Amino acid sequence: MTLNFWKMNGAGNDFVMLDNRDLSLNLTGDVIASLCDRHRGVGADGLLAVEPAEKDGDFRMRYYNADGGEAEMCGNGARCFARFINRLHDDSLTCVKFETMAGMISGEFEGDQVRINMSAPHDLKMAQELSVAGDQLTVHSVNTGVPHAVVMVEDIDSVDVRGWGAGLRYHEAFAPKGTNANFAKVIAPGQISIRTYERGVEDETLACGTGMVACALIHHELTGAASPVSVRVKGGDTLRIGFREVAPHQYEEVTLFGPADFVFQGTVNV
């Protein structure tokens, strides 16, 4: 069949966007993976589909990694999803609420920028000493909608993102589902630079929204840096992560603010 799609990116994290409000699409994991293939398909880090809400949201967000597997949440994807919904409504909305596997998410629009109110993070663990790809690393971790490991580094440019990233992604400490892996360097108090290896993509991506949130919270845990924290990603963008610590190691009102850009619209045979 011929499939209508839109291509979007959030800080370089790119997505195939589908309108499935009528539930007419029932794509298999193999088809989704083929659409995300950068050589034989549209090419993307993941696929997002708009579906009707099941409970209290305005819509439901379905997110699939590039390997075709469904994932709980994607921060950059959520910003693109919110702006995509607004485009389907002729840019007439000021905010939108949508359901994800990680909980209810809301988005607010400021031009081509979107502020996402994230679900509350959980499972925070600090300073695990792990053997990764032959090296001993101090690893912090937190679930910000999906699981993330965070390693603080001195030189962000020379990090072995693929080697350490894959080692962490499949490490027994994060079994059975695995984890995303982030490497962060402090630029100044409240400012960090990060690189991310994404589970499901199985490679470094230019940005990862939930990874930015994870790194910002770990930066706060280690240094006491105030909200918001500025996070620069591999793609060159700098995004802002806001939060409120309501108790030691517990956070609410977590937000992710940054771009969500349309690239092109097209059709593809599947």
Protein backbone atom coordinates (compact mmCIF):
# COMPACT_ATOMS: atom_id res chain seq x y z
CA MET A 1 0.00 0.00 0.00
CA THR A 2 0.99 3.64 -0.33
CA LEU A 3 1.67 5.28 3.02
CA ASN A 4 1.52 9.02 3.70
CA PHE A 5 4.18 10.18 6.14
CA TRP A 6 5.92 13.25 7.51
CA LYS A 7 9.58 13.49 8.48
CA MET A 8 10.50 15.48 11.60
CA ASN A 9 13.50 15.95 13.83
CA GLY A 10 14.01 17.16 17.37
CA ALA A 11 17.58 18.44 17.84
CA GLY A 12 18.75 15.98 15.17
CA ASN A 13 16.88 12.95 16.58
CA ASP A 14 14.76 12.13 13.50
CA PHE A 15 11.41 10.39 13.12
CA VAL A 16 8.89 9.10 10.60
CA MET A 17 5.48 10.50 11.62
CA LEU A 18 2.18 8.76 10.83
CA ASP A 19 -1.41 9.85 11.29
CA ASN A 20 -3.28 6.76 12.51
CA ARG A 21 -6.22 8.47 14.19
CA ASP A 22 -8.60 6.19 12.27
CA LEU A 23 -6.59 3.07 13.27
CA SER A 24 -6.40 1.99 9.64
CA LEU A 25 -2.66 1.23 9.88
CA ASN A 26 -1.39 -1.99 11.41
CA LEU A 27 2.31 -2.05 10.63
CA THR A 28 4.54 -4.94 11.64
CA GLY A 29 7.90 -4.49 13.31
CA ASP A 30 9.62 -5.51 10.07
CA VAL A 31 7.79 -2.84 8.08
CA ILE A 32 8.61 -0.19 10.69
CA ALA A 33 12.28 -1.25 10.63
CA SER A 34 12.30 -1.03 6.83
CA LEU A 35 10.80 2.48 6.93
CA CYS A 36 13.52 3.57 9.39
CA ASP A 37 16.31 2.00 7.29
CA ARG A 38 18.55 4.82 6.05
CA HIS A 39 19.57 3.00 2.88
CA ARG A 40 16.35 1.31 1.74
CA GLY A 41 13.61 3.30 3.49
CA VAL A 42 12.77 6.82 4.61
CA GLY A 43 15.48 6.73 7.29
CA ALA A 44 14.92 7.61 10.94
CA ASP A 45 15.87 6.91 14.56
CA GLY A 46 12.28 5.86 15.17
CA LEU A 47 8.64 6.01 14.11
CA LEU A 48 5.78 7.85 15.83
CA ALA A 49 2.09 7.21 15.21
CA VAL A 50 -0.87 9.31 16.39
CA GLU A 51 -3.75 7.18 17.67
CA PRO A 52 -6.99 7.93 19.56
CA ALA A 53 -6.71 8.24 23.33
CA GLU A 54 -7.65 5.20 25.39
CA LYS A 55 -8.19 7.02 28.70
CA ASP A 56 -7.83 10.68 29.65
CA GLY A 57 -5.51 12.10 27.01
CA ASP A 58 -6.33 13.96 23.82
CA PHE A 59 -4.40 11.35 21.82
CA ARG A 60 -2.17 8.31 22.26
CA MET A 61 1.50 8.29 21.23
CA ARG A 62 2.93 5.04 19.84
CA TYR A 63 6.71 5.07 19.56
CA TYR A 64 8.84 2.46 17.80
CA ASN A 65 12.63 2.30 17.71
CA ALA A 66 14.47 1.89 14.42
CA ASP A 67 14.61 -1.87 14.96
CA GLY A 68 10.79 -2.01 14.89
CA GLY A 69 10.35 -2.66 18.61
CA GLU A 70 7.90 -0.53 20.56
CA ALA A 71 9.36 1.59 23.37
CA GLU A 72 7.81 3.33 26.34
CA MET A 73 8.77 6.92 25.61
CA CYS A 74 11.02 9.28 23.64
CA GLY A 75 11.55 12.86 24.79
CA ASN A 76 12.57 14.37 21.45
CA GLY A 77 9.89 12.26 19.82
CA ALA A 78 7.30 13.59 22.26
CA ARG A 79 8.10 17.16 21.26
CA CYS A 80 7.79 16.25 17.58
CA PHE A 81 4.60 14.31 18.32
CA ALA A 82 3.04 17.32 20.04
CA ARG A 83 3.90 19.67 17.19
CA PHE A 84 2.69 17.09 14.64
CA ILE A 85 -0.69 16.96 16.39
CA ASN A 86 -0.80 20.76 16.27
CA ARG A 87 -0.08 20.67 12.52
CA LEU A 88 -2.94 18.19 12.05
CA HIS A 89 -5.12 20.84 13.74
CA ASP A 90 -3.87 23.69 11.53
CA ASP A 91 -1.57 24.96 14.30
CA SER A 92 -4.60 26.07 16.31
CA LEU A 93 -3.65 24.43 19.63
CA THR A 94 -1.78 25.99 22.55
CA CYS A 95 -1.25 22.69 24.39
CA VAL A 96 -2.00 18.98 24.06
CA LYS A 97 -2.07 15.95 26.38
CA PHE A 98 -1.22 12.47 25.16
CA GLU A 99 -0.88 9.00 26.58
CA THR A 100 2.37 7.02 26.42
CA MET A 101 3.50 3.72 27.89
CA ALA A 102 5.46 5.82 30.41
CA GLY A 103 2.41 7.84 31.50
CA MET A 104 0.58 11.02 30.52
CA ILE A 105 2.64 13.69 28.75
CA SER A 106 1.63 17.26 27.96
CA GLY A 107 3.13 19.68 25.48
CA GLU A 108 3.00 23.48 25.19
CA PHE A 109 3.92 25.42 22.05
CA GLU A 110 6.19 28.46 21.74
CA GLY A 111 6.61 28.99 18.00
CA ASP A 112 8.60 26.06 16.62
CA GLN A 113 9.78 25.20 20.14
CA VAL A 114 7.90 22.77 22.38
CA ARG A 115 7.98 22.32 26.15
CA ILE A 116 7.17 18.77 27.22
CA ASN A 117 6.06 17.99 30.76
CA MET A 118 7.60 14.59 31.42
CA SER A 119 6.46 11.75 33.68
CA ALA A 120 8.17 11.57 37.09
CA PRO A 121 11.60 9.85 36.95
CA HIS A 122 12.21 6.78 39.09
CA ASP A 123 14.73 4.04 39.94
CA LEU A 124 17.57 6.50 40.54
CA LYS A 125 20.84 4.75 41.43
CA MET A 126 24.16 6.50 41.96
CA ALA A 127 27.77 5.40 41.62
CA GLN A 128 27.58 1.77 40.52
CA GLU A 129 31.06 0.45 39.78
CA LEU A 130 30.78 -1.67 36.64
CA SER A 131 33.20 -3.41 34.29
CA VAL A 132 32.34 -2.24 30.78
CA ALA A 133 34.24 -3.26 27.63
CA GLY A 134 37.34 -3.95 29.72
CA ASP A 135 37.20 -0.69 31.69
CA GLN A 136 35.96 0.13 35.19
CA LEU A 137 33.29 2.83 35.04
CA THR A 138 31.33 4.73 37.67
CA VAL A 139 27.79 4.48 36.36
CA HIS A 140 24.69 6.35 37.50
CA SER A 141 21.23 5.39 36.29
CA VAL A 142 17.65 6.63 36.29
CA ASN A 143 14.44 5.87 34.41
CA THR A 144 13.10 9.05 32.77
CA GLY A 145 10.39 7.24 30.83
CA VAL A 146 12.92 4.71 29.57
CA PRO A 147 16.04 3.46 31.40
CA HIS A 148 19.27 5.46 31.12
CA ALA A 149 22.81 4.92 32.34
CA VAL A 150 25.01 8.02 32.76
CA VAL A 151 28.81 8.20 32.91
CA MET A 152 30.53 11.53 33.63
CA VAL A 153 33.65 12.06 31.50
CA GLU A 154 36.45 14.61 31.15
CA ASP A 155 36.75 14.51 27.36
CA ILE A 156 33.42 14.17 25.56
CA ASP A 157 35.00 14.08 22.08
CA SER A 158 37.19 11.02 22.66
CA VAL A 159 34.60 8.83 24.40
CA ASP A 160 34.15 5.34 22.95
CA VAL A 161 30.40 5.82 22.58
CA ARG A 162 29.86 2.65 20.55
CA GLY A 163 32.08 0.39 22.69
CA TRP A 164 31.08 1.64 26.13
CA GLY A 165 27.53 2.32 24.94
CA ALA A 166 26.97 -1.23 23.71
CA GLY A 167 28.69 -2.60 26.83
CA LEU A 168 26.30 -0.71 29.08
CA ARG A 169 23.25 -1.34 26.90
CA TYR A 170 23.67 -5.12 27.28
CA HIS A 171 25.25 -5.17 30.76
CA GLU A 172 23.83 -7.68 33.24
CA ALA A 173 23.20 -4.82 35.67
CA PHE A 174 20.45 -3.61 33.33
CA ALA A 175 19.07 -6.98 32.24
CA PRO A 176 16.75 -8.11 30.84
CA LYS A 177 15.53 -5.02 28.94
CA GLY A 178 18.84 -3.22 28.71
CA THR A 179 19.45 0.51 28.92
CA ASN A 180 20.35 3.58 26.92
CA ALA A 181 23.85 4.89 27.64
CA ASN A 182 24.89 8.53 28.06
CA PHE A 183 28.25 10.21 28.49
CA ALA A 184 28.25 13.71 29.97
CA LYS A 185 30.85 16.43 30.53
CA VAL A 186 30.35 19.48 32.74
CA ILE A 187 30.98 22.70 30.80
CA ALA A 188 30.01 25.01 33.68
CA PRO A 189 27.63 24.78 36.63
CA GLY A 190 24.22 24.04 35.13
CA GLN A 191 25.67 23.42 31.66
CA ILE A 192 26.64 20.00 30.32
CA SER A 193 27.47 18.39 26.99
CA ILE A 194 26.34 14.83 26.27
CA ARG A 195 26.56 11.98 23.79
CA THR A 196 24.08 9.10 23.73
CA TYR A 197 24.01 5.48 22.57
CA GLU A 198 20.35 4.57 22.05
CA ARG A 199 18.85 1.18 22.73
CA GLY A 200 16.86 0.02 19.69
CA VAL A 201 18.93 2.18 17.35
CA GLU A 202 22.06 0.36 18.59
CA ASP A 203 24.30 3.29 17.76
CA GLU A 204 25.00 6.88 18.73
CA THR A 205 22.28 9.38 17.82
CA LEU A 206 22.53 13.15 17.48
CA ALA A 207 20.23 13.65 20.47
CA CYS A 208 18.01 11.83 22.97
CA GLY A 209 15.43 13.72 25.00
CA THR A 210 15.02 11.28 27.86
CA GLY A 211 18.81 10.99 27.93
CA MET A 212 19.13 14.76 28.33
CA VAL A 213 16.75 14.63 31.27
CA ALA A 214 18.68 11.76 32.85
CA CYS A 215 22.00 13.59 32.50
CA ALA A 216 20.56 16.84 33.86
CA LEU A 217 19.21 15.08 36.95
CA ILE A 218 22.48 13.24 37.55
CA HIS A 219 24.35 16.56 37.17
CA HIS A 220 22.08 18.02 39.84
CA GLU A 221 22.62 14.99 42.11
CA LEU A 222 26.40 15.30 41.81
CA THR A 223 26.78 19.08 41.97
CA GLY A 224 23.52 20.60 43.22
CA ALA A 225 23.13 22.55 39.95
CA ALA A 226 19.90 24.52 39.92
CA SER A 227 17.01 24.08 37.49
CA PRO A 228 16.97 24.56 34.55
CA VAL A 229 20.05 22.74 33.29
CA SER A 230 21.28 23.47 29.75
CA VAL A 231 22.27 20.39 27.77
CA ARG A 232 24.22 20.51 24.52
CA VAL A 233 23.84 17.44 22.29
CA LYS A 234 25.90 15.87 19.51
CA GLY A 235 23.74 17.53 16.85
CA GLY A 236 24.76 20.98 18.12
CA ASP A 237 21.50 22.09 19.76
CA THR A 238 21.23 23.19 23.37
CA LEU A 239 18.02 22.28 25.22
CA ARG A 240 16.74 23.16 28.69
CA ILE A 241 15.65 20.68 31.33
CA GLY A 242 13.59 21.94 34.26
CA PHE A 243 12.76 20.02 37.44
CA ARG A 244 11.73 20.33 41.08
CA GLU A 245 13.29 18.12 43.75
CA VAL A 246 10.46 17.33 46.18
CA ALA A 247 12.51 15.01 48.41
CA PRO A 248 16.04 13.60 48.27
CA HIS A 249 16.43 11.84 44.91
CA GLN A 250 12.76 12.42 44.00
CA TYR A 251 11.70 14.81 41.25
CA GLU A 252 8.51 16.29 39.87
CA GLU A 253 7.58 18.92 37.28
CA VAL A 254 10.29 17.68 34.91
CA THR A 255 10.26 19.56 31.60
CA LEU A 256 12.17 19.35 28.33
CA PHE A 257 12.23 22.47 26.13
CA GLY A 258 13.63 22.55 22.62
CA PRO A 259 13.02 22.43 18.86
CA ALA A 260 10.68 20.16 16.89
CA ASP A 261 11.11 20.72 13.17
CA PHE A 262 9.30 19.52 10.06
CA VAL A 263 11.65 18.28 7.34
CA PHE A 264 9.40 17.04 4.55
CA GLN A 265 6.17 15.21 3.71
CA GLY A 266 5.86 12.33 1.27
CA THR A 267 4.51 8.93 0.31
CA VAL A 268 6.21 5.54 0.36
CA ASN A 269 5.19 2.07 -0.79
CA VAL A 270 5.15 -0.58 1.95
